[in-house]
Amino acid sequence: MSRKDKIKEGILIAKEEHNDMADKVMAMLYTLADKFLDGIELDEIKEAMVMTRLGQMIEKDGREKERIALNTLNKKLLSSNRIEDCIKATEDEEYQKKLMKEFGIK
């Protein structure tokens, strides 16, 4: 059995439980997956975790960080009177990334 399959099986077993220990096990399994898997294999593990409490927390945290980064970018653009750049950033994700890099926003 591959590492991916072992991790995925552990996640599926832990998902059946609804307690703190199961959450800790899933956090550990996610950490292992992040360390040892990449690409498609890691995406499969992320998919398996999406509906877990931990998966929901990770997703929520990611959305919150993205929201903060976008707000920071908008504030910097508006305070620099770069209205056109602000508008373009809402329509062009690559341009948005370029501006974030320009302002050092992660």
N, C-alpha and C. Protein backbone atom coordinates (compact mmCIF):
# COMPACT_ATOMS: atom_id res chain seq x y z
N MET A 1 0.85 -1.18 0.00
CA MET A 1 0.00 0.00 0.00
C MET A 1 0.90 1.24 0.00
N SER A 2 0.58 2.21 -0.85
CA SER A 2 1.40 3.42 -0.96
C SER A 2 1.20 4.34 0.24
N ARG A 3 2.11 5.29 0.41
CA ARG A 3 1.98 6.26 1.49
C ARG A 3 0.65 7.00 1.39
N LYS A 4 0.33 7.41 0.15
CA LYS A 4 -0.91 8.14 -0.06
C LYS A 4 -2.11 7.33 0.40
N ASP A 5 -2.14 6.05 0.03
CA ASP A 5 -3.27 5.19 0.39
C ASP A 5 -3.36 4.99 1.90
N LYS A 6 -2.21 4.85 2.55
CA LYS A 6 -2.20 4.68 4.01
C LYS A 6 -2.74 5.94 4.70
N ILE A 7 -2.28 7.09 4.24
CA ILE A 7 -2.73 8.35 4.83
C ILE A 7 -4.23 8.54 4.59
N LYS A 8 -4.64 8.27 3.36
CA LYS A 8 -6.06 8.43 3.00
C LYS A 8 -6.94 7.49 3.83
N GLU A 9 -6.50 6.26 4.00
CA GLU A 9 -7.27 5.30 4.80
C GLU A 9 -7.37 5.78 6.25
N GLY A 10 -6.27 6.29 6.79
CA GLY A 10 -6.29 6.82 8.15
C GLY A 10 -7.26 7.97 8.30
N ILE A 11 -7.30 8.84 7.31
CA ILE A 11 -8.22 9.98 7.34
C ILE A 11 -9.67 9.49 7.32
N LEU A 12 -9.95 8.52 6.44
CA LEU A 12 -11.31 8.00 6.34
C LEU A 12 -11.76 7.33 7.64
N ILE A 13 -10.84 6.62 8.29
CA ILE A 13 -11.17 6.00 9.58
C ILE A 13 -11.41 7.07 10.64
N ALA A 14 -10.52 8.06 10.69
CA ALA A 14 -10.63 9.12 11.69
C ALA A 14 -11.89 9.96 11.48
N LYS A 15 -12.32 10.10 10.22
CA LYS A 15 -13.53 10.90 9.93
C LYS A 15 -14.77 10.30 10.59
N GLU A 16 -14.75 9.00 10.82
CA GLU A 16 -15.91 8.33 11.42
C GLU A 16 -16.09 8.72 12.88
N GLU A 17 -15.00 9.11 13.52
CA GLU A 17 -15.05 9.54 14.92
C GLU A 17 -15.28 11.05 14.96
N HIS A 18 -15.90 11.51 16.01
CA HIS A 18 -16.14 12.94 16.16
C HIS A 18 -15.67 13.37 17.54
N ASN A 19 -14.34 13.39 17.69
CA ASN A 19 -13.78 13.80 18.98
C ASN A 19 -12.42 14.46 18.76
N ASP A 20 -11.85 14.97 19.84
CA ASP A 20 -10.58 15.69 19.75
C ASP A 20 -9.45 14.80 19.27
N MET A 21 -9.43 13.55 19.71
CA MET A 21 -8.36 12.64 19.30
C MET A 21 -8.40 12.43 17.78
N ALA A 22 -9.58 12.26 17.22
CA ALA A 22 -9.70 12.08 15.77
C ALA A 22 -9.20 13.32 15.05
N ASP A 23 -9.51 14.51 15.57
CA ASP A 23 -9.03 15.75 14.97
C ASP A 23 -7.50 15.82 15.01
N LYS A 24 -6.91 15.39 16.12
CA LYS A 24 -5.45 15.40 16.24
C LYS A 24 -4.82 14.41 15.27
N VAL A 25 -5.43 13.25 15.13
CA VAL A 25 -4.92 12.24 14.19
C VAL A 25 -4.98 12.78 12.76
N MET A 26 -6.10 13.42 12.41
CA MET A 26 -6.22 13.98 11.06
C MET A 26 -5.21 15.10 10.83
N ALA A 27 -4.96 15.91 11.84
CA ALA A 27 -3.95 16.96 11.71
C ALA A 27 -2.58 16.36 11.46
N MET A 28 -2.26 15.30 12.19
CA MET A 28 -0.98 14.61 12.01
C MET A 28 -0.89 14.00 10.60
N LEU A 29 -1.97 13.37 10.16
CA LEU A 29 -1.98 12.76 8.83
C LEU A 29 -1.85 13.81 7.73
N TYR A 30 -2.49 14.95 7.92
CA TYR A 30 -2.37 16.03 6.94
C TYR A 30 -0.93 16.54 6.90
N THR A 31 -0.30 16.67 8.05
CA THR A 31 1.09 17.12 8.11
C THR A 31 2.00 16.13 7.38
N LEU A 32 1.78 14.84 7.60
CA LEU A 32 2.56 13.82 6.90
C LEU A 32 2.34 13.90 5.39
N ALA A 33 1.10 14.07 4.98
CA ALA A 33 0.79 14.16 3.55
C ALA A 33 1.49 15.37 2.95
N ASP A 34 1.44 16.49 3.64
CA ASP A 34 2.07 17.71 3.14
C ASP A 34 3.58 17.54 3.01
N LYS A 35 4.17 16.77 3.90
CA LYS A 35 5.62 16.56 3.89
C LYS A 35 6.06 15.55 2.83
N PHE A 36 5.30 14.47 2.66
CA PHE A 36 5.76 13.37 1.82
C PHE A 36 5.08 13.24 0.46
N LEU A 37 3.98 13.93 0.24
CA LEU A 37 3.27 13.80 -1.03
C LEU A 37 3.33 15.11 -1.80
N ASP A 38 3.09 15.01 -3.09
CA ASP A 38 3.01 16.23 -3.88
C ASP A 38 2.01 16.06 -5.02
N GLY A 39 1.70 17.15 -5.66
CA GLY A 39 0.85 17.13 -6.84
C GLY A 39 -0.49 16.46 -6.64
N ILE A 40 -0.77 15.53 -7.52
CA ILE A 40 -2.07 14.85 -7.56
C ILE A 40 -2.33 14.08 -6.27
N GLU A 41 -1.29 13.44 -5.73
CA GLU A 41 -1.48 12.66 -4.49
C GLU A 41 -1.92 13.57 -3.34
N LEU A 42 -1.27 14.72 -3.22
CA LEU A 42 -1.63 15.66 -2.15
C LEU A 42 -3.04 16.21 -2.37
N ASP A 43 -3.39 16.45 -3.63
CA ASP A 43 -4.75 16.92 -3.93
C ASP A 43 -5.80 15.89 -3.50
N GLU A 44 -5.50 14.61 -3.69
CA GLU A 44 -6.43 13.56 -3.27
C GLU A 44 -6.64 13.58 -1.75
N ILE A 45 -5.56 13.79 -1.02
CA ILE A 45 -5.65 13.85 0.44
C ILE A 45 -6.46 15.07 0.85
N LYS A 46 -6.20 16.20 0.21
CA LYS A 46 -6.95 17.42 0.52
C LYS A 46 -8.44 17.19 0.27
N GLU A 47 -8.76 16.52 -0.83
CA GLU A 47 -10.16 16.20 -1.14
C GLU A 47 -10.79 15.36 -0.04
N ALA A 48 -10.04 14.37 0.44
CA ALA A 48 -10.56 13.49 1.49
C ALA A 48 -10.81 14.27 2.78
N MET A 49 -10.06 15.34 2.99
CA MET A 49 -10.18 16.10 4.23
C MET A 49 -11.21 17.21 4.17
N VAL A 50 -11.65 17.57 2.98
CA VAL A 50 -12.51 18.74 2.82
C VAL A 50 -13.71 18.73 3.76
N MET A 51 -14.34 17.62 3.92
CA MET A 51 -15.55 17.59 4.74
C MET A 51 -15.28 17.31 6.22
N THR A 52 -14.04 17.21 6.60
CA THR A 52 -13.73 17.03 8.02
C THR A 52 -13.73 18.39 8.71
N ARG A 53 -13.84 18.39 10.02
CA ARG A 53 -13.78 19.65 10.76
C ARG A 53 -12.45 20.34 10.53
N LEU A 54 -11.36 19.56 10.53
CA LEU A 54 -10.04 20.15 10.30
C LEU A 54 -9.97 20.74 8.90
N GLY A 55 -10.47 20.00 7.92
CA GLY A 55 -10.47 20.49 6.55
C GLY A 55 -11.23 21.80 6.41
N GLN A 56 -12.36 21.88 7.07
CA GLN A 56 -13.16 23.10 7.04
C GLN A 56 -12.41 24.26 7.70
N MET A 57 -11.71 23.96 8.79
CA MET A 57 -10.94 25.00 9.48
C MET A 57 -9.79 25.49 8.61
N ILE A 58 -9.11 24.57 7.93
CA ILE A 58 -8.00 24.94 7.05
C ILE A 58 -8.51 25.79 5.90
N GLU A 59 -9.63 25.39 5.32
CA GLU A 59 -10.22 26.14 4.21
C GLU A 59 -10.65 27.54 4.66
N LYS A 60 -11.28 27.62 5.81
CA LYS A 60 -11.72 28.91 6.34
C LYS A 60 -10.53 29.83 6.60
N ASP A 61 -9.46 29.27 7.15
CA ASP A 61 -8.25 30.04 7.43
C ASP A 61 -7.66 30.58 6.13
N GLY A 62 -7.64 29.74 5.10
CA GLY A 62 -7.12 30.17 3.80
C GLY A 62 -7.94 31.30 3.19
N ARG A 63 -9.26 31.18 3.29
CA ARG A 63 -10.13 32.25 2.76
C ARG A 63 -9.92 33.55 3.53
N GLU A 64 -9.75 33.45 4.84
CA GLU A 64 -9.54 34.64 5.66
C GLU A 64 -8.23 35.32 5.29
N LYS A 65 -7.17 34.55 5.10
CA LYS A 65 -5.87 35.12 4.71
C LYS A 65 -5.97 35.79 3.35
N GLU A 66 -6.68 35.16 2.42
CA GLU A 66 -6.85 35.73 1.08
C GLU A 66 -7.64 37.04 1.16
N ARG A 67 -8.69 37.05 1.98
CA ARG A 67 -9.50 38.26 2.14
C ARG A 67 -8.66 39.41 2.70
N ILE A 68 -7.84 39.11 3.69
CA ILE A 68 -6.99 40.14 4.29
C ILE A 68 -5.98 40.66 3.27
N ALA A 69 -5.39 39.75 2.49
CA ALA A 69 -4.41 40.15 1.47
C ALA A 69 -5.07 41.05 0.42
N LEU A 70 -6.26 40.68 -0.03
CA LEU A 70 -6.96 41.50 -1.03
C LEU A 70 -7.33 42.87 -0.47
N ASN A 71 -7.78 42.91 0.77
CA ASN A 71 -8.10 44.20 1.39
C ASN A 71 -6.86 45.07 1.51
N THR A 72 -5.74 44.46 1.87
CA THR A 72 -4.48 45.20 1.99
C THR A 72 -4.08 45.77 0.63
N LEU A 73 -4.19 44.94 -0.41
CA LEU A 73 -3.85 45.41 -1.76
C LEU A 73 -4.75 46.58 -2.15
N ASN A 74 -6.04 46.44 -1.95
CA ASN A 74 -6.98 47.51 -2.31
C ASN A 74 -6.66 48.81 -1.57
N LYS A 75 -6.36 48.72 -0.28
CA LYS A 75 -6.02 49.91 0.50
C LYS A 75 -4.77 50.59 -0.05
N LYS A 76 -3.75 49.78 -0.37
CA LYS A 76 -2.50 50.35 -0.88
C LYS A 76 -2.71 51.00 -2.24
N LEU A 77 -3.48 50.34 -3.11
CA LEU A 77 -3.75 50.91 -4.43
C LEU A 77 -4.56 52.20 -4.32
N LEU A 78 -5.58 52.19 -3.49
CA LEU A 78 -6.42 53.38 -3.34
C LEU A 78 -5.66 54.53 -2.69
N SER A 79 -4.83 54.23 -1.69
CA SER A 79 -4.06 55.30 -1.04
C SER A 79 -2.99 55.87 -1.97
N SER A 80 -2.61 55.10 -2.99
CA SER A 80 -1.65 55.57 -3.99
C SER A 80 -2.37 56.16 -5.20
N ASN A 81 -3.68 56.28 -5.10
CA ASN A 81 -4.52 56.82 -6.18
C ASN A 81 -4.38 56.01 -7.48
N ARG A 82 -4.23 54.70 -7.33
CA ARG A 82 -4.10 53.81 -8.50
C ARG A 82 -5.44 53.09 -8.73
N ILE A 83 -6.43 53.90 -9.03
CA ILE A 83 -7.80 53.40 -9.19
C ILE A 83 -7.89 52.40 -10.34
N GLU A 84 -7.28 52.72 -11.46
CA GLU A 84 -7.34 51.83 -12.63
C GLU A 84 -6.71 50.47 -12.31
N ASP A 85 -5.59 50.48 -11.58
CA ASP A 85 -4.96 49.22 -11.18
C ASP A 85 -5.87 48.43 -10.25
N CYS A 86 -6.57 49.12 -9.38
CA CYS A 86 -7.49 48.46 -8.45
C CYS A 86 -8.62 47.79 -9.23
N ILE A 87 -9.16 48.48 -10.20
CA ILE A 87 -10.24 47.92 -11.02
C ILE A 87 -9.72 46.72 -11.82
N LYS A 88 -8.56 46.89 -12.45
CA LYS A 88 -8.00 45.81 -13.26
C LYS A 88 -7.70 44.57 -12.41
N ALA A 89 -7.25 44.79 -11.17
CA ALA A 89 -6.93 43.67 -10.28
C ALA A 89 -8.16 42.84 -9.94
N THR A 90 -9.34 43.47 -9.96
CA THR A 90 -10.57 42.71 -9.67
C THR A 90 -10.98 41.84 -10.84
N GLU A 91 -10.45 42.14 -12.03
CA GLU A 91 -10.84 41.41 -13.24
C GLU A 91 -9.77 40.45 -13.74
N ASP A 92 -8.53 40.65 -13.31
CA ASP A 92 -7.40 39.88 -13.85
C ASP A 92 -6.57 39.31 -12.69
N GLU A 93 -6.72 38.01 -12.45
CA GLU A 93 -6.05 37.38 -11.31
C GLU A 93 -4.53 37.44 -11.42
N GLU A 94 -4.00 37.29 -12.63
CA GLU A 94 -2.54 37.36 -12.81
C GLU A 94 -2.02 38.76 -12.48
N TYR A 95 -2.75 39.77 -12.92
CA TYR A 95 -2.37 41.15 -12.62
C TYR A 95 -2.44 41.40 -11.11
N GLN A 96 -3.46 40.83 -10.48
CA GLN A 96 -3.61 40.93 -9.03
C GLN A 96 -2.38 40.35 -8.33
N LYS A 97 -1.93 39.17 -8.78
CA LYS A 97 -0.74 38.53 -8.20
C LYS A 97 0.49 39.40 -8.40
N LYS A 98 0.60 40.01 -9.58
CA LYS A 98 1.74 40.88 -9.88
C LYS A 98 1.75 42.07 -8.91
N LEU A 99 0.59 42.66 -8.69
CA LEU A 99 0.50 43.81 -7.78
C LEU A 99 0.81 43.40 -6.34
N MET A 100 0.35 42.22 -5.94
CA MET A 100 0.64 41.74 -4.59
C MET A 100 2.15 41.57 -4.40
N LYS A 101 2.79 41.05 -5.43
CA LYS A 101 4.24 40.88 -5.36
C LYS A 101 4.92 42.26 -5.28
N GLU A 102 4.44 43.19 -6.09
CA GLU A 102 4.98 44.55 -6.10
C GLU A 102 4.91 45.19 -4.70
N PHE A 103 3.81 44.97 -4.00
CA PHE A 103 3.63 45.56 -2.67
C PHE A 103 4.12 44.66 -1.54
N GLY A 104 4.63 43.47 -1.88
CA GLY A 104 5.14 42.55 -0.86
C GLY A 104 4.05 41.93 -0.01
N ILE A 105 2.88 41.72 -0.62
CA ILE A 105 1.75 41.13 0.10
C ILE A 105 1.73 39.63 -0.18
N LYS A 106 1.65 38.84 0.89
CA LYS A 106 1.65 37.38 0.72
C LYS A 106 0.30 36.80 1.03
